[in-house]
C-alpha cells in the first residue's frame, strides 16, 4: 500500500472517531491543499498530529489535498484551503494580504528513469548536469547518445588512509570486518570548529551517500563501522571537507552498455512547484541551454519555441503521475520528489554537481546542498547553484506552508500544526520518508515565520 493510501486511511479513521464523540467539542477540520512534492510528508505529519493529544490539544483534524503548487496557491487565496502548500512563490501582485511563507521541509528532485536492456542489468546511470539539461530540452534523444555513454565508464579511486585540513586529521583503517576512524584536532582547530559537527558519510560504488557518523567536534573522536567493499568515505568538520578516504583502491561507478532506445521525457501537466524548482536549476546551471526564467508550467519555461509533438514528450499530473508513468514505460525519464520514485521502484540517476562528482539523491545529499542555501526576510529559500560540496546532490526544492497574519481560530489551528510539523514531525520522520528536515538558519527562520501567523 502506498504512503498516501495508508495516511488517508489513518486520517479517515481519526475523523470518524471524532464524529463519534471521541474528539473535543471545539475540534476543527483544517483542510489544506497544494504541492504534490510535499504530500507524502504532509500525510505523515497530519496523521500523527491528528492523534497527538499533547500538541493537538483541540483535537483538530488536518487533511491535505495533493493538487499541485499552482492550484494550492490559488485555492488558498480563494479560501478553498485553510492553508496552502507550494515550492514556488506567488507571482508579483497575486499574493493574499498578510501572506506568510513557512519553509516546512526540503527534498531532492530526483531524475527517475526506466531503461530496459542496459548491461549490466540494474546498473545506476550517471548523468552529467549538462546532459540532464539537454535531455529535458529535447537536444539528446537516444539513451545510447555518446555523451551519456561517456559518463558511464567505471573508474577507480586510489587508496587513501589519512587526510589533514585546517588542523583536523582523520584516518581510517580496516580491522577484520570493520573500518575504524580516528579524528584529532589541534587546539586551534578545536576552537574554530567548537560549534560544528564532525560528519562521516559513505558511498558504495558511487551510489547513495549515507550518514555513518555525526557528532559535536572534540579534540579526539573515533568511530567503528561495518566494512563494505568499494566504499568511499567523506569526512567533514562543519562545512569543511577534511578528506575523502578509502581503505583500498575502489571501483567507482560501472561501465554501462546502453540500448538504442528513444528517450521519452515526462513532465508535469499541471502547475507545479517541482517544475518551477527544476527549471530554475536548469536555467541557473545551464543558461545557454535553458534560456528562459523559471515557471510553474513546463511548456512556459521550455527553451524551444514549443514542446515537441512527435511523442517524445509526455505529461502527467502530480509527482505521483510522473513516477507512475516512468514505472510503466520503457525509455522514459522524469523529475520527481524522491519518495514517489522509491515507493514505485523507479531508479534514480546519479547527477554531477558543481564539484564534478556524481551523487545520488538522498536526504543526506540533499541536506548538504541546502546547507549552502540562504533564506530571505520573507522566508523564501535561495539555493546556491555554484555550491561545491563534493557530496551534495544538486537538484532540490523546499516546500512552504502558506498562511496569513490574520487572527482567527482557523489560523491558530494552522499555526499549531505548522509548529508540530517543523519541530516534532519532520525531525523524526522526514529522512526516513525520503525528505530532508530543515536545520540551522533555515529552520530558525521557519520558526520565526510560524510566529507571524495569527498575530492580527
Protein backbone atom coordinates (compact mmCIF):
# COMPACT_ATOMS: atom_id res chain seq x y z
CA UNK A 1 0.00 0.00 0.00
CA UNK A 2 1.33 3.45 -0.92
CA UNK A 3 2.19 6.11 1.64
CA UNK A 4 -0.70 8.38 0.70
CA UNK A 5 -3.18 5.50 0.83
CA UNK A 6 -2.02 4.49 4.31
CA UNK A 7 -2.17 8.06 5.57
CA UNK A 8 -5.59 8.68 4.06
CA UNK A 9 -6.96 5.60 5.86
CA UNK A 10 -5.42 6.78 9.14
CA UNK A 11 -6.85 10.28 8.76
CA UNK A 12 -10.27 8.93 7.82
CA UNK A 13 -10.31 6.66 10.87
CA UNK A 14 -9.42 9.53 13.18
CA UNK A 15 -12.04 11.77 11.60
CA UNK A 16 -14.72 9.11 12.13
CA UNK A 17 -13.66 8.71 15.73
CA UNK A 18 -14.07 12.44 16.31
CA UNK A 19 -17.51 12.45 14.73
CA UNK A 20 -18.47 9.60 17.04
CA UNK A 21 -17.63 11.77 20.03
CA UNK A 22 -14.03 10.90 20.79
CA UNK A 23 -12.83 14.37 19.71
CA UNK A 24 -13.47 17.50 21.72
CA UNK A 25 -16.46 19.70 21.01
CA UNK A 26 -14.25 22.57 19.79
CA UNK A 27 -12.31 20.44 17.28
CA UNK A 28 -11.94 21.97 13.82
CA UNK A 29 -11.45 20.49 10.38
CA UNK A 30 -8.29 22.09 8.96
CA UNK A 31 -8.13 21.39 5.24
CA UNK A 32 -5.03 22.31 3.27
CA UNK A 33 -4.03 21.73 -0.32
CA UNK A 34 -1.27 22.29 -2.83
CA UNK A 35 2.08 20.83 -3.76
CA UNK A 36 2.26 17.12 -4.54
CA UNK A 37 6.00 17.27 -3.74
CA UNK A 38 5.04 17.85 -0.11
CA UNK A 39 2.08 15.47 0.03
CA UNK A 40 3.73 12.28 1.28
CA UNK A 41 5.36 14.15 4.14
CA UNK A 42 2.20 16.14 4.85
CA UNK A 43 0.20 12.92 5.15
CA UNK A 44 2.63 11.51 7.71
CA UNK A 45 2.61 14.66 9.84
CA UNK A 46 -1.15 15.19 9.60
CA UNK A 47 -1.87 11.59 10.63
CA UNK A 48 0.46 11.85 13.62
CA UNK A 49 -0.79 15.30 14.63
CA UNK A 50 -4.41 14.20 14.48
CA UNK A 51 -3.78 11.64 17.20
CA UNK A 52 -1.28 13.64 19.27
CA UNK A 53 -3.25 14.99 22.22
CA UNK A 54 -0.25 16.84 23.67
CA UNK A 55 0.47 19.01 20.61
CA UNK A 56 -3.07 18.99 19.20
CA UNK A 57 -4.94 19.96 22.35
CA UNK A 58 -8.08 20.97 20.41
CA UNK A 59 -8.24 17.56 18.65
CA UNK A 60 -8.31 19.29 15.24
CA UNK A 61 -8.41 17.12 12.12
CA UNK A 62 -5.84 18.15 9.50
CA UNK A 63 -6.23 16.96 5.90
CA UNK A 64 -4.29 17.79 2.75
CA UNK A 65 -5.20 17.61 -0.96
CA UNK A 66 -2.38 16.95 -3.43
CA UNK A 67 -3.36 19.30 -6.28
CA UNK A 68 -0.05 20.95 -7.28
CA UNK A 69 1.56 24.19 -6.16
CA UNK A 70 -0.28 26.44 -8.61
CA UNK A 71 -3.68 25.13 -7.53
CA UNK A 72 -2.58 25.27 -3.91
CA UNK A 73 -1.71 28.94 -4.19
CA UNK A 74 -4.91 29.87 -5.99
CA UNK A 75 -7.03 27.68 -3.70
CA UNK A 76 -5.54 29.25 -0.60
CA UNK A 77 -6.14 32.75 -1.97
CA UNK A 78 -9.78 31.90 -2.76
CA UNK A 79 -10.35 30.32 0.65
CA UNK A 80 -10.78 26.80 -0.69
CA UNK A 81 -7.98 25.72 1.65
CA UNK A 82 -7.25 26.99 5.16
CA UNK A 83 -3.54 26.58 4.43
CA UNK A 84 -1.57 26.02 1.26
CA UNK A 85 1.49 24.07 0.20
CA UNK A 86 3.90 25.18 -2.53
CA UNK A 87 7.53 25.01 -3.65
CA UNK A 88 7.19 28.27 -5.58
CA UNK A 89 6.31 31.82 -4.59
CA UNK A 90 3.30 33.80 -5.72
CA UNK A 91 3.97 35.98 -8.76
CA UNK A 92 4.08 39.72 -8.12
CA UNK A 93 0.76 41.23 -7.16
CA UNK A 94 -1.10 37.93 -6.68
CA UNK A 95 -0.37 37.07 -3.04
CA UNK A 96 -3.17 37.37 -0.46
CA UNK A 97 -2.94 40.09 2.19
CA UNK A 98 -0.73 39.22 5.16
CA UNK A 99 0.77 36.17 3.45
CA UNK A 100 3.28 34.17 5.50
CA UNK A 101 5.64 31.68 3.81
CA UNK A 102 6.81 28.95 6.19
CA UNK A 103 9.61 26.65 4.97
CA UNK A 104 8.47 23.20 6.13
CA UNK A 105 10.75 20.57 4.62
CA UNK A 106 13.29 20.08 1.84
CA UNK A 107 13.95 17.26 -0.53
CA UNK A 108 15.68 16.05 -3.66
CA UNK A 109 14.12 16.35 -7.10
CA UNK A 110 15.29 13.01 -8.43
CA UNK A 111 15.83 12.17 -12.09
CA UNK A 112 13.83 8.98 -12.39
CA UNK A 113 14.14 6.68 -15.38
CA UNK A 114 13.22 3.28 -16.76
CA UNK A 115 15.57 1.71 -19.26
CA UNK A 116 15.28 -1.96 -20.13
CA UNK A 117 18.17 -3.73 -21.78
CA UNK A 118 21.14 -1.94 -20.23
CA UNK A 119 24.17 -4.02 -19.33
CA UNK A 120 24.88 -4.75 -16.58
CA UNK A 121 21.19 -5.00 -15.71
CA UNK A 122 20.12 -2.72 -12.91
CA UNK A 123 23.21 -0.52 -13.08
CA UNK A 124 22.75 3.05 -11.87
CA UNK A 125 23.00 5.56 -14.70
CA UNK A 126 25.18 8.64 -14.26
CA UNK A 127 24.13 11.88 -15.95
CA UNK A 128 26.28 14.99 -16.22
CA UNK A 129 24.34 18.10 -15.28
CA UNK A 130 24.64 19.41 -18.85
CA UNK A 131 23.28 16.13 -20.22
CA UNK A 132 20.25 16.47 -17.93
CA UNK A 133 19.70 19.97 -19.33
CA UNK A 134 19.94 18.73 -22.91
CA UNK A 135 17.67 15.71 -22.39
CA UNK A 136 14.88 17.80 -20.90
CA UNK A 137 15.35 20.40 -23.64
CA UNK A 138 14.94 17.71 -26.32
CA UNK A 139 18.53 18.04 -27.52
CA UNK A 140 19.58 14.49 -26.58
CA UNK A 141 17.03 11.96 -27.77
CA UNK A 142 18.62 8.48 -27.53
CA UNK A 143 19.81 6.58 -24.47
CA UNK A 144 22.97 5.46 -26.29
CA UNK A 145 23.97 9.04 -27.05
CA UNK A 146 27.79 9.38 -26.82
CA UNK A 147 27.50 11.98 -24.04
CA UNK A 148 25.58 9.54 -21.85
CA UNK A 149 27.85 6.59 -22.69
CA UNK A 150 30.99 8.62 -21.92
CA UNK A 151 29.76 9.43 -18.43
CA UNK A 152 29.11 5.79 -17.62
CA UNK A 153 32.58 4.29 -17.59
CA UNK A 154 33.93 2.61 -14.46
CA UNK A 155 36.77 4.49 -12.80
CA UNK A 156 38.83 3.90 -9.69
CA UNK A 157 39.58 5.92 -6.58
CA UNK A 158 43.06 5.45 -5.15
CA UNK A 159 43.60 4.13 -1.64
CA UNK A 160 43.84 6.94 0.90
CA UNK A 161 44.02 6.26 4.63
CA UNK A 162 44.70 9.70 6.08
CA UNK A 163 43.97 13.35 5.40
CA UNK A 164 44.55 16.68 7.18
CA UNK A 165 42.80 20.03 6.69
CA UNK A 166 42.78 23.14 8.88
CA UNK A 167 44.30 21.30 11.83
CA UNK A 168 41.84 18.40 11.61
CA UNK A 169 43.33 14.98 10.89
CA UNK A 170 41.26 11.93 10.02
CA UNK A 171 42.44 8.38 9.40
CA UNK A 172 40.72 5.13 8.51
CA UNK A 173 41.87 1.54 8.83
CA UNK A 174 40.25 -1.80 8.01
CA UNK A 175 40.07 -4.07 11.05
CA UNK A 176 38.69 -7.53 10.20
CA UNK A 177 35.07 -6.94 9.13
CA UNK A 178 35.03 -3.30 10.31
CA UNK A 179 36.54 0.05 9.45
CA UNK A 180 37.85 2.26 12.22
CA UNK A 181 38.01 6.06 12.01
CA UNK A 182 40.09 8.35 14.19
CA UNK A 183 39.71 12.13 14.20
CA UNK A 184 42.01 14.54 16.00
CA UNK A 185 42.09 18.34 16.17
CA UNK A 186 44.73 20.83 17.13
CA UNK A 187 43.74 23.29 19.84
CA UNK A 188 43.24 25.97 17.18
CA UNK A 189 41.02 23.65 15.12
CA UNK A 190 39.02 22.64 18.19
CA UNK A 191 38.39 26.33 18.88
CA UNK A 192 37.47 27.05 15.25
CA UNK A 193 35.03 24.15 15.00
CA UNK A 194 33.70 24.15 18.58
CA UNK A 195 30.13 24.79 17.40
CA UNK A 196 30.35 22.48 14.39
CA UNK A 197 29.85 18.77 13.90
CA UNK A 198 32.23 16.18 12.51
CA UNK A 199 30.39 14.05 9.95
CA UNK A 200 31.30 10.93 8.02
CA UNK A 201 29.29 9.72 5.03
CA UNK A 202 29.78 6.61 2.92
CA UNK A 203 29.03 5.87 -0.73
CA UNK A 204 29.47 2.40 -2.23
CA UNK A 205 30.18 2.04 -5.97
CA UNK A 206 29.38 5.71 -6.38
CA UNK A 207 25.91 5.05 -5.01
CA UNK A 208 23.71 6.75 -2.45
CA UNK A 209 25.55 8.74 0.20
CA UNK A 210 24.63 7.52 3.69
CA UNK A 211 25.43 9.07 7.02
CA UNK A 212 27.76 6.98 9.19
CA UNK A 213 28.58 9.45 11.95
CA UNK A 214 27.68 12.90 13.21
CA UNK A 215 28.98 14.28 16.49
CA UNK A 216 29.93 17.56 18.09
CA UNK A 217 33.58 18.33 17.43
CA UNK A 218 36.22 17.43 20.00
CA UNK A 219 39.99 17.06 20.10
CA UNK A 220 39.64 13.28 19.81
CA UNK A 221 36.83 11.30 18.17
CA UNK A 222 36.52 7.72 16.95
CA UNK A 223 34.01 5.63 15.08
CA UNK A 224 33.77 1.95 14.12
CA UNK A 225 31.54 0.90 11.22
CA UNK A 226 30.95 -2.27 9.23
CA UNK A 227 33.30 -2.68 6.25
CA UNK A 228 31.82 -2.59 2.75
CA UNK A 229 33.80 -3.18 -0.42
CA UNK A 230 34.21 -0.33 -2.95
CA UNK A 231 33.22 2.36 -0.44
CA UNK A 232 34.41 5.96 -0.33
CA UNK A 233 34.18 7.89 2.94
CA UNK A 234 33.75 11.66 3.07
CA UNK A 235 34.76 13.39 6.30
CA UNK A 236 33.86 16.98 7.18
CA UNK A 237 34.32 19.37 10.08
CA UNK A 238 31.34 21.67 9.78
CA UNK A 239 31.23 22.58 6.09
CA UNK A 240 34.98 21.99 5.60
CA UNK A 241 35.97 18.88 3.66
CA UNK A 242 38.72 17.23 5.68
CA UNK A 243 39.22 14.39 3.24
CA UNK A 244 37.85 11.61 1.05
CA UNK A 245 39.22 8.31 2.28
CA UNK A 246 39.25 4.68 1.16
CA UNK A 247 40.74 1.57 2.73
CA UNK A 248 41.81 0.23 -0.67
CA UNK A 249 41.68 1.16 -4.35
CA UNK A 250 37.98 1.09 -5.07
CA UNK A 251 35.77 0.88 -8.11
CA UNK A 252 33.67 3.98 -8.70
CA UNK A 253 30.66 3.53 -10.97
CA UNK A 254 30.18 0.96 -13.70
CA UNK A 255 30.78 0.72 -17.44
CA UNK A 256 27.32 0.54 -18.95
CA UNK A 257 26.27 -0.55 -22.42
CA UNK A 258 23.15 1.33 -23.50
CA UNK A 259 20.43 0.17 -25.90
CA UNK A 260 19.40 2.22 -28.92
CA UNK A 261 16.20 3.32 -27.16
CA UNK A 262 14.45 6.61 -27.72
CA UNK A 263 14.22 8.92 -24.69
CA UNK A 264 10.71 9.93 -23.68
CA UNK A 265 10.65 13.00 -21.42
CA UNK A 266 7.75 13.11 -18.95
CA UNK A 267 6.85 16.50 -17.47
CA UNK A 268 4.07 17.88 -15.32
CA UNK A 269 0.73 18.66 -16.94
CA UNK A 270 -0.34 20.86 -14.02
CA UNK A 271 1.14 24.00 -12.48
CA UNK A 272 3.94 22.71 -10.29
CA UNK A 273 6.46 23.93 -7.74
CA UNK A 274 8.56 20.87 -8.56
CA UNK A 275 8.66 22.05 -12.17
CA UNK A 276 9.47 25.60 -11.03
CA UNK A 277 12.45 24.43 -8.97
CA UNK A 278 13.65 22.02 -11.67
CA UNK A 279 13.57 24.67 -14.41
CA UNK A 280 15.23 27.15 -12.06
CA UNK A 281 18.07 24.68 -11.54
CA UNK A 282 18.42 24.17 -15.31
CA UNK A 283 18.30 27.91 -16.03
CA UNK A 284 20.80 28.83 -13.30
CA UNK A 285 23.17 25.94 -14.07
CA UNK A 286 22.95 25.95 -17.90
CA UNK A 287 21.57 29.30 -19.07
CA UNK A 288 22.85 28.79 -22.61
CA UNK A 289 20.50 25.79 -22.93
CA UNK A 290 17.63 26.81 -20.65
CA UNK A 291 17.33 30.44 -21.64
CA UNK A 292 14.03 31.42 -20.01
CA UNK A 293 13.26 32.30 -16.40
CA UNK A 294 11.53 29.63 -14.40
CA UNK A 295 7.81 28.92 -14.32
CA UNK A 296 5.33 26.56 -12.66
CA UNK A 297 4.41 25.47 -16.20
CA UNK A 298 6.90 23.28 -18.10
CA UNK A 299 5.84 24.50 -21.54
CA UNK A 300 6.36 28.13 -20.50
CA UNK A 301 9.91 27.54 -19.25
CA UNK A 302 10.86 25.16 -22.09
CA UNK A 303 13.71 26.68 -24.12
CA UNK A 304 12.31 25.84 -27.55
CA UNK A 305 9.55 27.63 -29.40
CA UNK A 306 7.16 24.85 -28.37
CA UNK A 307 7.23 21.38 -26.87
CA UNK A 308 7.85 18.61 -29.43
CA UNK A 309 4.68 16.95 -30.71
CA UNK A 310 6.27 13.73 -32.02
CA UNK A 311 5.54 11.76 -28.85
CA UNK A 312 8.98 12.24 -27.33
CA UNK A 313 7.47 14.49 -24.64
CA UNK A 314 4.59 13.31 -22.48
CA UNK A 315 2.85 14.83 -19.47
CA UNK A 316 1.30 13.57 -16.24
CA UNK A 317 -0.33 15.16 -13.22
CA UNK A 318 1.46 15.39 -9.88
CA UNK A 319 4.67 13.79 -8.69
CA UNK A 320 2.71 10.56 -8.37
CA UNK A 321 1.68 10.73 -12.03
CA UNK A 322 5.25 11.30 -13.21
CA UNK A 323 6.63 8.41 -11.18
CA UNK A 324 3.86 6.05 -12.25
CA UNK A 325 4.31 6.91 -15.94
CA UNK A 326 8.03 6.17 -15.81
CA UNK A 327 7.47 2.91 -13.92
CA UNK A 328 5.18 1.72 -16.72
CA UNK A 329 7.03 2.98 -19.83
CA UNK A 330 10.45 1.87 -21.03
CA UNK A 331 12.80 4.65 -22.17
CA UNK A 332 11.09 7.34 -20.13
CA UNK A 333 12.71 9.88 -17.83
CA UNK A 334 11.27 12.44 -15.43
CA UNK A 335 11.91 14.73 -12.44
CA UNK A 336 10.06 13.97 -9.20
CA UNK A 337 10.34 14.10 -5.44
CA UNK A 338 12.40 11.12 -4.32
CA UNK A 339 9.82 9.28 -2.20
CA UNK A 340 7.43 8.90 -5.16
CA UNK A 341 10.12 7.07 -7.13
CA UNK A 342 11.11 4.90 -4.18
CA UNK A 343 7.60 3.71 -3.41
CA UNK A 344 7.11 2.71 -7.08
CA UNK A 345 10.50 1.05 -7.52
CA UNK A 346 11.73 3.61 -10.08
CA UNK A 347 15.51 4.06 -10.28
CA UNK A 348 17.10 7.49 -9.86
CA UNK A 349 20.16 8.68 -11.77
CA UNK A 350 23.32 9.99 -10.14
CA UNK A 351 23.78 13.60 -11.30
CA UNK A 352 27.03 15.55 -11.41
CA UNK A 353 27.28 18.53 -9.06
CA UNK A 354 29.37 21.71 -9.45
CA UNK A 355 32.33 19.90 -7.85
CA UNK A 356 32.19 17.41 -10.73
CA UNK A 357 31.12 14.48 -8.55
CA UNK A 358 28.22 12.16 -9.36
CA UNK A 359 25.80 12.00 -6.44
CA UNK A 360 22.55 10.11 -5.98
CA UNK A 361 19.55 11.87 -4.44
CA UNK A 362 19.00 11.15 -0.75
CA UNK A 363 18.02 13.04 2.38
CA UNK A 364 21.73 13.18 3.28
CA UNK A 365 22.98 14.56 -0.04
CA UNK A 366 20.05 16.97 -0.25
CA UNK A 367 20.82 18.29 3.24
CA UNK A 368 24.42 19.01 2.22
CA UNK A 369 23.18 21.07 -0.74
CA UNK A 370 20.61 23.00 1.29
CA UNK A 371 23.27 23.77 3.89
CA UNK A 372 24.72 26.24 1.36
CA UNK A 373 21.36 27.96 0.77
CA UNK A 374 20.21 31.26 2.26
CA UNK A 375 16.79 32.45 3.39
CA UNK A 376 15.38 35.96 2.94
CA UNK A 377 13.23 38.14 5.15
CA UNK A 378 10.03 36.72 3.65
CA UNK A 379 11.09 33.14 4.42
CA UNK A 380 11.93 32.21 0.82
CA UNK A 381 15.00 29.99 0.38
CA UNK A 382 17.59 30.85 -2.29
CA UNK A 383 19.74 27.92 -3.36
CA UNK A 384 23.41 28.37 -4.22
CA UNK A 385 23.75 26.69 -7.60
CA UNK A 386 27.53 27.07 -7.50
CA UNK A 387 27.91 25.20 -4.20
CA UNK A 388 30.97 22.95 -4.39
CA UNK A 389 30.44 20.38 -1.64
CA UNK A 390 31.58 17.08 -3.13
CA UNK A 391 28.77 15.08 -1.52
CA UNK A 392 25.86 17.39 -2.40
CA UNK A 393 23.02 16.38 -4.72
CA UNK A 394 22.34 19.48 -6.87
CA UNK A 395 18.58 19.38 -7.70
CA UNK A 396 16.39 20.18 -4.72
CA UNK A 397 13.34 22.05 -3.50
CA UNK A 398 11.98 23.48 -0.27
CA UNK A 399 8.26 23.17 0.42
CA UNK A 400 6.44 26.09 2.03
CA UNK A 401 3.32 26.14 4.11
CA UNK A 402 1.12 29.12 3.24
CA UNK A 403 -0.81 31.02 5.89
CA UNK A 404 -1.51 34.65 6.90
CA UNK A 405 -1.09 37.02 9.80
CA UNK A 406 -4.89 37.38 10.09
CA UNK A 407 -6.25 36.49 13.50
CA UNK A 408 -8.78 33.64 13.52
CA UNK A 409 -9.46 30.33 15.18
CA UNK A 410 -8.55 28.53 11.96
CA UNK A 411 -5.21 30.30 11.73
CA UNK A 412 -4.50 29.44 15.36
CA UNK A 413 -5.01 25.79 14.40
CA UNK A 414 -2.78 26.12 11.32
CA UNK A 415 -0.08 27.75 13.46
CA UNK A 416 -0.16 24.87 15.94
CA UNK A 417 0.06 22.30 13.14
CA UNK A 418 2.97 24.04 11.36
CA UNK A 419 4.83 24.22 14.68
CA UNK A 420 4.33 20.50 15.17
CA UNK A 421 5.37 19.77 11.57
CA UNK A 422 8.64 21.71 11.86
CA UNK A 423 9.76 20.91 15.36
CA UNK A 424 8.36 17.43 16.05
CA UNK A 425 7.30 15.53 12.94
CA UNK A 426 9.92 16.46 10.33
CA UNK A 427 13.00 15.93 12.54
CA UNK A 428 11.68 12.49 13.46
CA UNK A 429 10.21 11.28 10.16
CA UNK A 430 11.47 13.27 7.16
CA UNK A 431 14.68 11.41 6.36
CA UNK A 432 13.02 8.01 6.65
CA UNK A 433 10.32 9.16 4.23
CA UNK A 434 12.84 10.42 1.63
CA UNK A 435 12.73 14.11 2.63
CA UNK A 436 15.24 16.50 4.18
CA UNK A 437 14.40 18.03 7.56
CA UNK A 438 15.32 21.70 7.86
CA UNK A 439 18.18 22.71 10.12
CA UNK A 440 20.28 25.73 11.04
CA UNK A 441 19.39 29.17 9.75
CA UNK A 442 16.53 27.94 7.56
CA UNK A 443 14.83 26.18 10.47
CA UNK A 444 15.32 29.21 12.72
CA UNK A 445 13.72 31.43 10.09
CA UNK A 446 10.90 28.92 9.58
CA UNK A 447 10.07 29.02 13.28
CA UNK A 448 10.17 32.82 13.16
CA UNK A 449 7.75 32.75 10.22
CA UNK A 450 5.33 30.50 12.11
CA UNK A 451 5.31 33.07 14.91
CA UNK A 452 3.84 35.64 12.46
CA UNK A 453 0.71 33.56 11.83
CA UNK A 454 -2.46 34.65 13.62
CA UNK A 455 -0.94 37.79 15.17
CA UNK A 456 -3.64 40.08 13.78
